[in-house]
Amino acid sequence: MESQDRTVRVSYNPHVMPGGWTISGAAHGQQAAWNAVLGSQTPVEIIAGLTDALTQPRSAHAPTAWAPLKQQRWSTARRGGQFTAESPDGTSWMQFHEDPPAPPVWWSGAGDQQGNGWTATFTATTPLHLVQAFTTALASPEPVMRPRGRVPHSMRIFTTSVSVLPSQLAAWRQARIQAAGAAAWARNAGAGQPRTALRFNAAGRRARR
């Protein structure tokens, strides 16, 4: 998918190793080019937290990647050129890594006792409000929904069985699509965009309202 001004691209490639998501932005104005790569096992809720921020209006407050983690009582430490935050259960982390002459990078991930997990990297030029959206989703205490049999065996994971109808899933998906469309429309309207403003589009084709 590509943004209306062709400065941001979101792609998913399951045919390479390790595969996963790539979200990149082209240089424009004072914003340098940036790139984020998230493994294929990254929870969809975290991917959505990041992609939602691509279309939502920015907060008037200065963004900080560490605040959402500290609010959820993640521990922090500085070692040399690394500043790291770790979840209370020790399974997840977020790190800003500086080791010249290599460029600085954001590095995050999670893992269980069996070695299953995922990682994500962001160039240091990634807009900070997007990194904050990622850490907000990363540290969220809200439960997530998974099909039976798709939950890793871990003493740190607590599950509750619920019954969900396919019609409910379809309704939730449609509500999310409508909410995202409304947010994008409000942002375009606030910026004085004409009614024919271009949207994020798939396969490189432009879609017009």
N, C-alpha and C. Protein backbone atom coordinates (compact mmCIF):
# COMPACT_ATOMS: atom_id res chain seq x y z
N MET A 1 0.85 -1.18 0.00
CA MET A 1 0.00 0.00 0.00
C MET A 1 0.89 1.23 0.00
N GLU A 2 0.38 2.28 -0.64
CA GLU A 2 1.17 3.50 -0.78
C GLU A 2 0.32 4.71 -0.42
N SER A 3 0.93 5.67 0.26
CA SER A 3 0.18 6.86 0.66
C SER A 3 -0.15 7.71 -0.55
N GLN A 4 -1.10 8.61 -0.35
CA GLN A 4 -1.58 9.43 -1.46
C GLN A 4 -0.49 10.28 -2.08
N ASP A 5 0.49 10.71 -1.29
CA ASP A 5 1.57 11.52 -1.84
C ASP A 5 2.80 10.69 -2.19
N ARG A 6 2.66 9.37 -2.08
CA ARG A 6 3.71 8.42 -2.43
C ARG A 6 4.98 8.57 -1.60
N THR A 7 4.84 9.09 -0.39
CA THR A 7 6.01 9.23 0.48
C THR A 7 6.13 8.08 1.47
N VAL A 8 5.04 7.32 1.70
CA VAL A 8 5.05 6.23 2.66
C VAL A 8 4.55 4.96 1.98
N ARG A 9 5.23 3.86 2.24
CA ARG A 9 4.84 2.57 1.66
C ARG A 9 4.81 1.51 2.74
N VAL A 10 3.76 0.69 2.71
CA VAL A 10 3.60 -0.43 3.64
C VAL A 10 3.55 -1.71 2.82
N SER A 11 4.40 -2.68 3.14
CA SER A 11 4.41 -3.92 2.37
C SER A 11 4.60 -5.11 3.29
N TYR A 12 4.11 -6.26 2.83
CA TYR A 12 4.28 -7.52 3.57
C TYR A 12 4.75 -8.57 2.58
N ASN A 13 5.84 -9.24 2.92
CA ASN A 13 6.40 -10.25 2.03
C ASN A 13 6.61 -11.55 2.80
N PRO A 14 5.76 -12.58 2.55
CA PRO A 14 5.92 -13.85 3.25
C PRO A 14 6.86 -14.81 2.53
N HIS A 15 7.42 -14.38 1.40
CA HIS A 15 8.20 -15.29 0.55
C HIS A 15 9.70 -15.14 0.73
N VAL A 16 10.14 -14.36 1.71
CA VAL A 16 11.57 -14.23 1.99
C VAL A 16 11.79 -14.63 3.43
N MET A 17 13.03 -14.91 3.78
CA MET A 17 13.37 -15.27 5.15
C MET A 17 14.04 -14.08 5.83
N PRO A 18 13.60 -13.65 6.98
CA PRO A 18 12.53 -14.26 7.76
C PRO A 18 11.13 -13.80 7.38
N GLY A 19 11.02 -12.87 6.45
CA GLY A 19 9.71 -12.39 6.03
C GLY A 19 9.13 -11.42 7.04
N GLY A 20 8.12 -10.70 6.62
CA GLY A 20 7.47 -9.77 7.54
C GLY A 20 7.07 -8.48 6.87
N TRP A 21 6.93 -7.45 7.70
CA TRP A 21 6.44 -6.15 7.28
C TRP A 21 7.59 -5.17 7.09
N THR A 22 7.48 -4.34 6.06
CA THR A 22 8.40 -3.23 5.85
C THR A 22 7.58 -1.97 5.67
N ILE A 23 7.84 -0.97 6.48
CA ILE A 23 7.16 0.32 6.38
C ILE A 23 8.25 1.36 6.20
N SER A 24 8.16 2.11 5.12
CA SER A 24 9.24 3.05 4.80
C SER A 24 8.68 4.39 4.38
N GLY A 25 9.47 5.43 4.62
CA GLY A 25 9.09 6.78 4.24
C GLY A 25 10.20 7.44 3.45
N ALA A 26 9.82 8.16 2.41
CA ALA A 26 10.79 8.87 1.59
C ALA A 26 11.13 10.21 2.24
N ALA A 27 12.28 10.73 1.91
CA ALA A 27 12.69 12.03 2.43
C ALA A 27 11.80 13.11 1.82
N HIS A 28 11.36 14.04 2.65
CA HIS A 28 10.62 15.20 2.15
C HIS A 28 10.69 16.30 3.20
N GLY A 29 10.92 17.52 2.73
CA GLY A 29 11.07 18.64 3.65
C GLY A 29 12.25 18.40 4.59
N GLN A 30 12.02 18.57 5.90
CA GLN A 30 13.06 18.34 6.89
C GLN A 30 13.09 16.89 7.38
N GLN A 31 12.17 16.06 6.88
CA GLN A 31 12.12 14.67 7.29
C GLN A 31 13.03 13.81 6.41
N ALA A 32 14.01 13.15 7.04
CA ALA A 32 14.89 12.25 6.31
C ALA A 32 14.17 10.94 6.00
N ALA A 33 14.68 10.20 5.04
CA ALA A 33 14.12 8.89 4.73
C ALA A 33 14.21 7.98 5.95
N TRP A 34 13.25 7.11 6.11
CA TRP A 34 13.23 6.22 7.26
C TRP A 34 12.71 4.85 6.86
N ASN A 35 12.92 3.87 7.76
CA ASN A 35 12.56 2.51 7.43
C ASN A 35 12.29 1.72 8.72
N ALA A 36 11.24 0.92 8.72
CA ALA A 36 10.92 0.04 9.84
C ALA A 36 10.68 -1.36 9.30
N VAL A 37 11.28 -2.35 9.94
CA VAL A 37 11.12 -3.75 9.53
C VAL A 37 10.65 -4.55 10.74
N LEU A 38 9.51 -5.22 10.58
CA LEU A 38 8.92 -5.98 11.68
C LEU A 38 8.71 -7.43 11.24
N GLY A 39 9.18 -8.37 12.05
CA GLY A 39 9.11 -9.77 11.71
C GLY A 39 7.69 -10.27 11.52
N SER A 40 7.56 -11.38 10.80
CA SER A 40 6.24 -11.91 10.45
C SER A 40 5.45 -12.36 11.67
N GLN A 41 6.13 -12.66 12.79
CA GLN A 41 5.43 -13.09 14.00
C GLN A 41 5.05 -11.92 14.91
N THR A 42 5.35 -10.69 14.49
CA THR A 42 4.95 -9.54 15.30
C THR A 42 3.44 -9.53 15.45
N PRO A 43 2.91 -9.42 16.66
CA PRO A 43 1.45 -9.43 16.85
C PRO A 43 0.76 -8.37 16.01
N VAL A 44 -0.38 -8.76 15.44
CA VAL A 44 -1.10 -7.85 14.54
C VAL A 44 -1.53 -6.57 15.26
N GLU A 45 -1.79 -6.66 16.57
CA GLU A 45 -2.20 -5.46 17.31
C GLU A 45 -1.08 -4.43 17.34
N ILE A 46 0.17 -4.88 17.35
CA ILE A 46 1.31 -3.96 17.35
C ILE A 46 1.50 -3.36 15.96
N ILE A 47 1.35 -4.18 14.93
CA ILE A 47 1.41 -3.67 13.56
C ILE A 47 0.34 -2.60 13.37
N ALA A 48 -0.87 -2.89 13.83
CA ALA A 48 -1.98 -1.94 13.66
C ALA A 48 -1.73 -0.65 14.43
N GLY A 49 -1.13 -0.75 15.62
CA GLY A 49 -0.83 0.47 16.37
C GLY A 49 0.08 1.39 15.59
N LEU A 50 1.03 0.79 14.86
CA LEU A 50 1.95 1.59 14.06
C LEU A 50 1.30 2.13 12.81
N THR A 51 0.58 1.29 12.07
CA THR A 51 -0.02 1.75 10.82
C THR A 51 -1.17 2.74 11.06
N ASP A 52 -1.88 2.59 12.19
CA ASP A 52 -2.92 3.57 12.51
C ASP A 52 -2.33 4.97 12.62
N ALA A 53 -1.14 5.05 13.20
CA ALA A 53 -0.50 6.35 13.42
C ALA A 53 -0.09 7.02 12.11
N LEU A 54 -0.05 6.27 11.02
CA LEU A 54 0.31 6.86 9.73
C LEU A 54 -0.78 7.80 9.23
N THR A 55 -2.03 7.56 9.64
CA THR A 55 -3.15 8.36 9.13
C THR A 55 -3.77 9.26 10.18
N GLN A 56 -3.46 9.03 11.46
CA GLN A 56 -4.08 9.84 12.50
C GLN A 56 -3.34 11.17 12.70
N PRO A 57 -4.07 12.20 13.10
CA PRO A 57 -3.41 13.48 13.38
C PRO A 57 -2.38 13.34 14.50
N ARG A 58 -1.29 14.08 14.40
CA ARG A 58 -0.27 14.04 15.44
C ARG A 58 -0.74 14.80 16.67
N SER A 59 -0.28 14.32 17.81
CA SER A 59 -0.60 15.00 19.07
C SER A 59 0.14 16.33 19.13
N ALA A 60 -0.45 17.26 19.86
CA ALA A 60 0.20 18.56 20.05
C ALA A 60 1.39 18.45 20.99
N HIS A 61 1.46 17.37 21.75
CA HIS A 61 2.56 17.16 22.68
C HIS A 61 3.74 16.51 21.98
N ALA A 62 4.94 16.84 22.43
CA ALA A 62 6.14 16.24 21.86
C ALA A 62 6.15 14.74 22.14
N PRO A 63 6.34 13.91 21.11
CA PRO A 63 6.31 12.47 21.32
C PRO A 63 7.55 11.97 22.06
N THR A 64 7.38 10.88 22.79
CA THR A 64 8.50 10.21 23.44
C THR A 64 8.23 8.71 23.40
N ALA A 65 9.19 7.94 22.95
CA ALA A 65 9.00 6.50 22.82
C ALA A 65 8.98 5.80 24.16
N TRP A 66 9.58 6.40 25.17
CA TRP A 66 9.75 5.71 26.46
C TRP A 66 8.55 5.87 27.38
N ALA A 67 7.77 6.93 27.23
CA ALA A 67 6.68 7.20 28.17
C ALA A 67 5.67 6.06 28.26
N PRO A 68 5.19 5.49 27.15
CA PRO A 68 4.22 4.38 27.28
C PRO A 68 4.79 3.18 28.03
N LEU A 69 6.09 2.94 27.89
CA LEU A 69 6.71 1.82 28.57
C LEU A 69 6.82 2.08 30.07
N LYS A 70 7.25 3.29 30.43
CA LYS A 70 7.37 3.63 31.85
C LYS A 70 6.01 3.62 32.54
N GLN A 71 4.96 4.01 31.80
CA GLN A 71 3.62 4.00 32.39
C GLN A 71 3.18 2.59 32.75
N GLN A 72 3.70 1.60 32.02
CA GLN A 72 3.37 0.20 32.31
C GLN A 72 4.45 -0.47 33.15
N ARG A 73 5.28 0.35 33.81
CA ARG A 73 6.27 -0.12 34.78
C ARG A 73 7.37 -0.97 34.15
N TRP A 74 7.74 -0.63 32.92
CA TRP A 74 8.92 -1.27 32.35
C TRP A 74 10.15 -0.70 33.02
N SER A 75 11.16 -1.52 33.24
CA SER A 75 12.42 -1.06 33.82
C SER A 75 13.31 -0.50 32.72
N THR A 76 14.14 0.47 33.06
CA THR A 76 15.03 1.09 32.08
C THR A 76 16.46 1.07 32.59
N ALA A 77 17.39 1.04 31.64
CA ALA A 77 18.81 1.01 32.00
C ALA A 77 19.61 1.55 30.84
N ARG A 78 20.74 2.20 31.15
CA ARG A 78 21.66 2.69 30.12
C ARG A 78 23.00 1.98 30.30
N ARG A 79 23.45 1.38 29.21
CA ARG A 79 24.76 0.70 29.22
C ARG A 79 25.52 1.13 27.97
N GLY A 80 26.55 1.96 28.18
CA GLY A 80 27.30 2.45 27.03
C GLY A 80 26.40 3.23 26.09
N GLY A 81 26.38 2.81 24.84
CA GLY A 81 25.54 3.49 23.85
C GLY A 81 24.16 2.89 23.72
N GLN A 82 23.72 2.10 24.72
CA GLN A 82 22.42 1.46 24.64
C GLN A 82 21.52 1.96 25.77
N PHE A 83 20.31 2.34 25.40
CA PHE A 83 19.29 2.66 26.40
C PHE A 83 18.18 1.64 26.20
N THR A 84 17.90 0.83 27.22
CA THR A 84 16.99 -0.30 27.07
C THR A 84 15.86 -0.22 28.08
N ALA A 85 14.66 -0.57 27.63
CA ALA A 85 13.51 -0.76 28.51
C ALA A 85 13.08 -2.22 28.40
N GLU A 86 12.76 -2.82 29.55
CA GLU A 86 12.38 -4.23 29.58
C GLU A 86 11.06 -4.39 30.32
N SER A 87 10.20 -5.25 29.79
CA SER A 87 8.89 -5.48 30.40
C SER A 87 9.04 -6.12 31.78
N PRO A 88 8.04 -5.95 32.65
CA PRO A 88 8.14 -6.52 34.00
C PRO A 88 8.38 -8.03 34.03
N ASP A 89 7.87 -8.76 33.03
CA ASP A 89 8.07 -10.21 33.02
C ASP A 89 9.34 -10.62 32.27
N GLY A 90 10.08 -9.64 31.74
CA GLY A 90 11.34 -9.92 31.09
C GLY A 90 11.25 -10.54 29.71
N THR A 91 10.06 -10.57 29.11
CA THR A 91 9.90 -11.22 27.81
C THR A 91 10.00 -10.26 26.63
N SER A 92 9.89 -8.96 26.88
CA SER A 92 9.88 -7.97 25.79
C SER A 92 10.85 -6.84 26.10
N TRP A 93 11.36 -6.21 25.04
CA TRP A 93 12.30 -5.12 25.25
C TRP A 93 12.18 -4.08 24.13
N MET A 94 12.68 -2.91 24.44
CA MET A 94 12.82 -1.81 23.47
C MET A 94 14.17 -1.18 23.73
N GLN A 95 14.95 -0.98 22.68
CA GLN A 95 16.30 -0.47 22.86
C GLN A 95 16.64 0.56 21.79
N PHE A 96 17.33 1.63 22.23
CA PHE A 96 17.93 2.56 21.28
C PHE A 96 19.42 2.31 21.33
N HIS A 97 19.97 1.89 20.21
CA HIS A 97 21.35 1.39 20.17
C HIS A 97 22.22 2.32 19.34
N GLU A 98 23.31 2.79 19.94
CA GLU A 98 24.29 3.62 19.25
C GLU A 98 25.66 2.96 19.37
N ASP A 99 26.26 2.66 18.23
CA ASP A 99 27.58 2.03 18.22
C ASP A 99 28.34 2.50 16.98
N PRO A 100 28.88 3.76 17.01
CA PRO A 100 29.59 4.29 15.85
C PRO A 100 30.73 3.36 15.43
N PRO A 101 30.99 3.28 14.12
CA PRO A 101 30.44 4.12 13.06
C PRO A 101 29.10 3.64 12.51
N ALA A 102 28.56 2.56 13.04
CA ALA A 102 27.25 2.09 12.57
C ALA A 102 26.18 3.13 12.93
N PRO A 103 25.17 3.31 12.08
CA PRO A 103 24.13 4.28 12.39
C PRO A 103 23.29 3.82 13.59
N PRO A 104 22.79 4.74 14.38
CA PRO A 104 21.93 4.36 15.51
C PRO A 104 20.65 3.71 15.02
N VAL A 105 20.05 2.89 15.87
CA VAL A 105 18.85 2.15 15.47
C VAL A 105 17.98 1.85 16.69
N TRP A 106 16.67 1.83 16.48
CA TRP A 106 15.74 1.31 17.47
C TRP A 106 15.61 -0.19 17.25
N TRP A 107 15.62 -0.96 18.34
CA TRP A 107 15.50 -2.41 18.23
C TRP A 107 14.56 -2.91 19.30
N SER A 108 13.59 -3.72 18.91
CA SER A 108 12.60 -4.21 19.86
C SER A 108 12.28 -5.67 19.56
N GLY A 109 11.59 -6.32 20.48
CA GLY A 109 11.21 -7.70 20.25
C GLY A 109 10.65 -8.35 21.50
N ALA A 110 10.32 -9.62 21.35
CA ALA A 110 9.80 -10.42 22.45
C ALA A 110 10.15 -11.87 22.20
N GLY A 111 10.21 -12.65 23.27
CA GLY A 111 10.52 -14.07 23.14
C GLY A 111 10.03 -14.85 24.34
N ASP A 112 9.77 -16.15 24.14
CA ASP A 112 9.34 -16.99 25.24
C ASP A 112 10.43 -17.98 25.62
N GLN A 113 10.12 -18.86 26.56
CA GLN A 113 11.12 -19.80 27.06
C GLN A 113 11.59 -20.79 25.99
N GLN A 114 10.74 -21.02 24.99
CA GLN A 114 11.07 -21.97 23.93
C GLN A 114 11.83 -21.33 22.77
N GLY A 115 12.11 -20.04 22.87
CA GLY A 115 12.84 -19.37 21.80
C GLY A 115 11.97 -18.81 20.70
N ASN A 116 10.64 -18.91 20.86
CA ASN A 116 9.74 -18.32 19.87
C ASN A 116 9.62 -16.82 20.12
N GLY A 117 9.54 -16.07 19.06
CA GLY A 117 9.40 -14.64 19.25
C GLY A 117 9.51 -13.87 17.95
N TRP A 118 9.77 -12.58 18.07
CA TRP A 118 9.84 -11.70 16.91
C TRP A 118 10.73 -10.52 17.26
N THR A 119 11.20 -9.82 16.25
CA THR A 119 11.98 -8.60 16.45
C THR A 119 11.52 -7.53 15.47
N ALA A 120 11.84 -6.31 15.79
CA ALA A 120 11.51 -5.17 14.93
C ALA A 120 12.64 -4.16 15.02
N THR A 121 12.96 -3.52 13.92
CA THR A 121 13.99 -2.47 13.90
C THR A 121 13.45 -1.23 13.21
N PHE A 122 13.90 -0.07 13.69
CA PHE A 122 13.53 1.21 13.11
C PHE A 122 14.80 2.03 12.94
N THR A 123 14.95 2.67 11.80
CA THR A 123 16.07 3.59 11.67
C THR A 123 15.86 4.76 12.62
N ALA A 124 16.96 5.39 13.02
CA ALA A 124 16.87 6.50 13.97
C ALA A 124 16.11 7.69 13.39
N THR A 125 15.95 7.71 12.07
CA THR A 125 15.23 8.81 11.41
C THR A 125 13.73 8.59 11.38
N THR A 126 13.26 7.44 11.88
CA THR A 126 11.82 7.18 11.90
C THR A 126 11.13 8.25 12.74
N PRO A 127 10.05 8.88 12.23
CA PRO A 127 9.36 9.91 13.01
C PRO A 127 9.02 9.40 14.41
N LEU A 128 9.31 10.20 15.40
CA LEU A 128 9.21 9.74 16.78
C LEU A 128 7.77 9.41 17.17
N HIS A 129 6.79 10.08 16.58
CA HIS A 129 5.41 9.76 16.94
C HIS A 129 5.03 8.37 16.46
N LEU A 130 5.69 7.86 15.41
CA LEU A 130 5.43 6.49 14.97
C LEU A 130 6.08 5.49 15.92
N VAL A 131 7.27 5.81 16.40
CA VAL A 131 7.93 4.93 17.37
C VAL A 131 7.10 4.89 18.65
N GLN A 132 6.56 6.03 19.06
CA GLN A 132 5.72 6.08 20.25
C GLN A 132 4.45 5.25 20.06
N ALA A 133 3.86 5.30 18.87
CA ALA A 133 2.68 4.48 18.59
C ALA A 133 3.01 3.00 18.72
N PHE A 134 4.21 2.64 18.26
CA PHE A 134 4.66 1.25 18.38
C PHE A 134 4.81 0.85 19.84
N THR A 135 5.50 1.67 20.65
CA THR A 135 5.71 1.31 22.05
C THR A 135 4.41 1.33 22.84
N THR A 136 3.46 2.18 22.46
CA THR A 136 2.16 2.18 23.11
C THR A 136 1.47 0.84 22.92
N ALA A 137 1.49 0.35 21.67
CA ALA A 137 0.88 -0.95 21.39
C ALA A 137 1.68 -2.08 22.03
N LEU A 138 3.00 -1.95 22.04
CA LEU A 138 3.86 -2.97 22.61
C LEU A 138 3.59 -3.18 24.10
N ALA A 139 3.36 -2.09 24.82
CA ALA A 139 3.19 -2.15 26.27
C ALA A 139 1.73 -2.25 26.70
N SER A 140 0.81 -2.27 25.76
CA SER A 140 -0.61 -2.28 26.11
C SER A 140 -0.96 -3.50 26.96
N PRO A 141 -1.67 -3.31 28.07
CA PRO A 141 -2.06 -4.44 28.92
C PRO A 141 -3.36 -5.09 28.46
N GLU A 142 -3.97 -4.59 27.38
CA GLU A 142 -5.25 -5.13 26.93
C GLU A 142 -5.08 -6.56 26.41
N PRO A 143 -6.01 -7.46 26.74
CA PRO A 143 -5.94 -8.83 26.23
C PRO A 143 -6.15 -8.86 24.71
N VAL A 144 -5.64 -9.89 24.06
CA VAL A 144 -5.79 -10.05 22.62
C VAL A 144 -6.55 -11.34 22.34
N MET A 145 -7.17 -11.39 21.17
CA MET A 145 -7.97 -12.55 20.80
C MET A 145 -7.18 -13.44 19.85
N ARG A 146 -7.13 -14.73 20.16
CA ARG A 146 -6.44 -15.70 19.32
C ARG A 146 -7.29 -16.97 19.21
N PRO A 147 -7.24 -17.64 18.05
CA PRO A 147 -7.97 -18.91 17.91
C PRO A 147 -7.41 -19.96 18.86
N ARG A 148 -8.26 -20.89 19.25
CA ARG A 148 -7.81 -21.98 20.11
C ARG A 148 -6.70 -22.76 19.41
N GLY A 149 -5.66 -23.09 20.17
CA GLY A 149 -4.54 -23.83 19.61
C GLY A 149 -3.44 -22.94 19.06
N ARG A 150 -3.66 -21.61 19.03
CA ARG A 150 -2.67 -20.69 18.50
C ARG A 150 -1.97 -19.89 19.59
N VAL A 151 -2.13 -20.30 20.84
CA VAL A 151 -1.51 -19.61 21.96
C VAL A 151 -0.30 -20.41 22.43
N PRO A 152 0.89 -19.80 22.47
CA PRO A 152 2.08 -20.53 22.93
C PRO A 152 1.92 -21.03 24.36
N HIS A 153 2.51 -22.18 24.64
CA HIS A 153 2.47 -22.72 25.99
C HIS A 153 3.47 -21.96 26.86
N SER A 154 2.96 -21.24 27.83
CA SER A 154 3.82 -20.45 28.71
C SER A 154 3.09 -20.20 30.01
N MET A 155 3.83 -20.28 31.12
CA MET A 155 3.24 -19.99 32.41
C MET A 155 2.97 -18.50 32.58
N ARG A 156 3.50 -17.69 31.67
CA ARG A 156 3.29 -16.25 31.76
C ARG A 156 2.05 -15.80 30.98
N ILE A 157 1.42 -16.71 30.25
CA ILE A 157 0.26 -16.36 29.45
C ILE A 157 -0.98 -16.95 30.10
N PHE A 158 -1.96 -16.11 30.34
CA PHE A 158 -3.22 -16.53 30.94
C PHE A 158 -4.33 -16.39 29.90
N THR A 159 -5.14 -17.42 29.76
CA THR A 159 -6.17 -17.43 28.72
C THR A 159 -7.56 -17.56 29.33
N THR A 160 -8.53 -17.04 28.61
CA THR A 160 -9.95 -17.19 28.95
C THR A 160 -10.69 -17.56 27.68
N SER A 161 -11.49 -18.60 27.72
CA SER A 161 -12.23 -19.04 26.54
C SER A 161 -13.48 -18.18 26.35
N VAL A 162 -13.70 -17.74 25.12
CA VAL A 162 -14.90 -16.98 24.78
C VAL A 162 -15.44 -17.51 23.46
N SER A 163 -16.73 -17.35 23.25
CA SER A 163 -17.37 -17.76 21.99
C SER A 163 -17.63 -16.52 21.15
N VAL A 164 -17.15 -16.56 19.91
CA VAL A 164 -17.31 -15.43 19.01
C VAL A 164 -17.88 -15.93 17.69
N LEU A 165 -18.95 -15.32 17.23
CA LEU A 165 -19.57 -15.70 15.96
C LEU A 165 -18.82 -15.06 14.79
N PRO A 166 -18.77 -15.73 13.65
CA PRO A 166 -18.16 -15.12 12.46
C PRO A 166 -18.77 -13.76 12.12
N SER A 167 -20.06 -13.61 12.36
CA SER A 167 -20.71 -12.34 12.07
C SER A 167 -20.18 -11.23 12.97
N GLN A 168 -19.82 -11.58 14.20
CA GLN A 168 -19.25 -10.59 15.11
C GLN A 168 -17.87 -10.15 14.62
N LEU A 169 -17.06 -11.11 14.19
CA LEU A 169 -15.73 -10.77 13.66
C LEU A 169 -15.86 -9.85 12.45
N ALA A 170 -16.80 -10.17 11.57
CA ALA A 170 -17.00 -9.34 10.38
C ALA A 170 -17.45 -7.93 10.76
N ALA A 171 -18.32 -7.84 11.76
CA ALA A 171 -18.80 -6.52 12.19
C ALA A 171 -17.68 -5.71 12.82
N TRP A 172 -16.84 -6.34 13.62
CA TRP A 172 -15.72 -5.63 14.24
C TRP A 172 -14.75 -5.14 13.17
N ARG A 173 -14.49 -5.97 12.18
CA ARG A 173 -13.58 -5.58 11.10
C ARG A 173 -14.14 -4.39 10.33
N GLN A 174 -15.44 -4.44 10.02
CA GLN A 174 -16.04 -3.34 9.28
C GLN A 174 -16.03 -2.06 10.10
N ALA A 175 -16.28 -2.17 11.40
CA ALA A 175 -16.26 -0.98 12.26
C ALA A 175 -14.87 -0.37 12.30
N ARG A 176 -13.85 -1.22 12.32
CA ARG A 176 -12.47 -0.71 12.33
C ARG A 176 -12.14 0.00 11.02
N ILE A 177 -12.57 -0.58 9.90
CA ILE A 177 -12.33 0.04 8.59
C ILE A 177 -13.01 1.41 8.52
N GLN A 178 -14.26 1.47 9.01
CA GLN A 178 -14.99 2.74 8.97
C GLN A 178 -14.34 3.79 9.86
N ALA A 179 -13.87 3.36 11.04
CA ALA A 179 -13.22 4.30 11.95
C ALA A 179 -11.93 4.84 11.35
N ALA A 180 -11.15 3.96 10.70
CA ALA A 180 -9.92 4.41 10.07
C ALA A 180 -10.21 5.37 8.93
N GLY A 181 -11.26 5.08 8.14
CA GLY A 181 -11.63 5.97 7.05
C GLY A 181 -12.08 7.32 7.56
N ALA A 182 -12.84 7.33 8.66
CA ALA A 182 -13.30 8.59 9.23
C ALA A 182 -12.13 9.42 9.74
N ALA A 183 -11.15 8.75 10.36
CA ALA A 183 -9.98 9.47 10.87
C ALA A 183 -9.18 10.08 9.73
N ALA A 184 -9.01 9.32 8.65
CA ALA A 184 -8.27 9.84 7.49
C ALA A 184 -9.02 11.00 6.85
N TRP A 185 -10.35 10.88 6.77
CA TRP A 185 -11.14 11.95 6.18
C TRP A 185 -11.05 13.22 7.03
N ALA A 186 -11.13 13.06 8.35
CA ALA A 186 -11.04 14.22 9.23
C ALA A 186 -9.70 14.91 9.10
N ARG A 187 -8.65 14.13 8.95
CA ARG A 187 -7.32 14.71 8.81
C ARG A 187 -7.21 15.47 7.50
N ASN A 188 -7.71 14.89 6.42
CA ASN A 188 -7.66 15.56 5.12
C ASN A 188 -8.50 16.84 5.13
N ALA A 189 -9.68 16.76 5.76
CA ALA A 189 -10.55 17.94 5.81
C ALA A 189 -9.91 19.06 6.62
N GLY A 190 -9.24 18.68 7.71
CA GLY A 190 -8.57 19.68 8.53
C GLY A 190 -7.42 20.34 7.83
N ALA A 191 -6.82 19.63 6.88
CA ALA A 191 -5.69 20.19 6.14
C ALA A 191 -6.15 20.91 4.88
N GLY A 192 -7.49 21.02 4.70
CA GLY A 192 -8.00 21.72 3.53
C GLY A 192 -7.90 20.93 2.25
N GLN A 193 -7.88 19.58 2.35
CA GLN A 193 -7.80 18.75 1.16
C GLN A 193 -9.12 18.79 0.43
N PRO A 194 -9.13 18.74 -0.89
CA PRO A 194 -10.38 18.68 -1.63
C PRO A 194 -11.07 17.34 -1.42
N ARG A 195 -12.31 17.24 -1.80
CA ARG A 195 -13.08 16.02 -1.58
C ARG A 195 -12.53 14.85 -2.40
N THR A 196 -11.73 15.13 -3.41
CA THR A 196 -11.16 14.06 -4.23
C THR A 196 -9.79 13.64 -3.70
N ALA A 197 -9.54 13.86 -2.41
CA ALA A 197 -8.23 13.52 -1.84
C ALA A 197 -7.91 12.04 -2.04
N LEU A 198 -6.66 11.75 -2.35
CA LEU A 198 -6.25 10.37 -2.57
C LEU A 198 -6.07 9.67 -1.23
N ARG A 199 -6.35 8.36 -1.22
CA ARG A 199 -6.22 7.55 -0.02
C ARG A 199 -5.03 6.62 -0.17
N PHE A 200 -4.68 5.91 0.95
CA PHE A 200 -3.76 4.79 0.84
C PHE A 200 -4.38 3.81 -0.14
N ASN A 201 -3.60 3.27 -1.05
CA ASN A 201 -4.15 2.38 -2.06
C ASN A 201 -3.27 1.15 -2.20
N ALA A 202 -3.88 0.07 -2.63
CA ALA A 202 -3.17 -1.20 -2.78
C ALA A 202 -2.74 -1.40 -4.23
N ALA A 203 -1.68 -2.16 -4.41
CA ALA A 203 -1.19 -2.56 -5.73
C ALA A 203 -0.85 -1.37 -6.61
N GLY A 204 -0.55 -0.23 -5.97
CA GLY A 204 -0.12 0.93 -6.74
C GLY A 204 -1.22 1.66 -7.48
N ARG A 205 -2.50 1.23 -7.31
CA ARG A 205 -3.60 1.89 -8.01
C ARG A 205 -4.15 3.00 -7.13
N ARG A 206 -4.48 4.13 -7.73
CA ARG A 206 -5.03 5.24 -6.98
C ARG A 206 -6.54 5.08 -6.86
N ALA A 207 -7.03 5.38 -5.67
CA ALA A 207 -8.48 5.34 -5.43
C ALA A 207 -8.91 6.73 -5.02
N ARG A 208 -10.02 7.18 -5.59
CA ARG A 208 -10.49 8.54 -5.32
C ARG A 208 -11.84 8.50 -4.62
N ARG A 209 -12.02 9.49 -3.74
CA ARG A 209 -13.34 9.70 -3.13
C ARG A 209 -14.07 10.73 -3.98
